[in-house]
Each structure stands twice: as structure tokens, then as C-alpha cells.
Amino acid sequence: MPRGWWLIGLLGGCAQLAPPPTPSAVEPKYAKWEARQALLSSREQFVLSGRIAVQRDLEGAQAKLQWQQAGAQFELRLIAPLAQGTFQLSGDDRAVSLVAPNGDSFQAPDLDTLMTSHLKWALPVAGARYWVVGLPVPGHKVTQLSLDDQGRLRDLAQDGWRISVLEYQTVEGLDLPRKLFLLGGTLKLTLVITAWPTPPR
């Protein structure tokens, strides 16, 4: 299996509020949703850890995940099982770098370029820094938006992806996703967040 399976990028995006669903004045859950968007979009830093499972056709892989985000800057560690090593991604909206388990280092202006050049494939993953906290990517078209009765994101389609938040957890009084499922074409990602050492703030 090519080592690139561990390098599912999860980052990117720029900050503006997504248009609220309608009719917000009729259903209370939409008012709660608008309040959640305003609260979470104002918080640009988080630290999380968990695990990710990747499946495409008959191929699959798993890794532990450690992710730090501060505005556009990120550091991401993907730790492969069975002592296969750790891949490190870091950067911002101007440049990114990758350090492979053998110490080889690669740079590119953006994550898609890095993945295309060195992993031979790329994914439209710029929205995941928002999806992981239960928000759509600001300013991008949203379809199939579904909320639960508490005004939390349950499901949406955006940028060629279907994003489902399967479970939430309460962290310092804030409801944050615990388990997400992302479907993009034939690629399936399951992300389980086991800890929010630093929730969005």
C-alpha cells in the first residue's frame, strides 16, 4: 500500500460565516444553529487527537491523529500502526511541508500540490478544519443541510463531499463532534476524536 494513504489532508479554508439555513425565524433549531455558527467561527484555535480510518474501493488504512490549528497555521501528525512511522504536515495558506518517517522533507505552496507531486493523488480537503468542529466551510455552497433538534450540524454536502456528524461530545460546556464520516466519490473517511485538549477558542 503506498505510504500516501496516511496523508489524508484535513486542513485549509478562510473565515466568513456561511449563510444560515432558512427559515430561521420559524424553527427554533435554526436560531440555535445561527448562534453556534457565530460562537464557533470566532474561535480559530484548537488542539485535538483521535484516529482516522481511510477506505477507497478495497484498500484501507488507519492512523492515529494529532492536530493543532491556529488560524490558517496547522501542525498535523499521522501515526501509522505497527511501527510504520509518523508523517508530519505543517504550514498555512501560503506553503506546506511534509516530513516522512524516513526523514525526507517536501515543500509545496499548498496541500493539494504537495499531495499531487509526492503522493500521486490529491483531495479537496480545504474545508476539514471547519467540518471537524461542526461548521460548513464559510462562503462555499451548502446543500442537503440537516440539523438536530439542538441546532447542531448533522449532515451536509459541500465542495464535492458529504459530511455526517455521527456523535457529539461535551467539552468545557461546548458540544463538539466526536465521530464524523466523510464521503468524497469513492473515498470514505471516518474520524473519531478521542480528546479535545484545547477546544476551539
Foldseek 3Di string as FASTA:
>chain_A
DDPCLQVADAAAAAADQADQDPDCVPAVLSVLLVVVSVVQSVFFWFWFWFKKWKDFDHDIAIWTWTWITHHQWIWIWTHGPPPLAIKIWIDGQQKIKIAGRVGDIDIDRDDQVRCCVPVVGGDPNHFRVQVQFQGGRHPWDKPPWDADSNNGTAWIDTPQKIKGQPDWDADPNDTGGQWMWIDHPRMIMIIGTPDTPGHGD
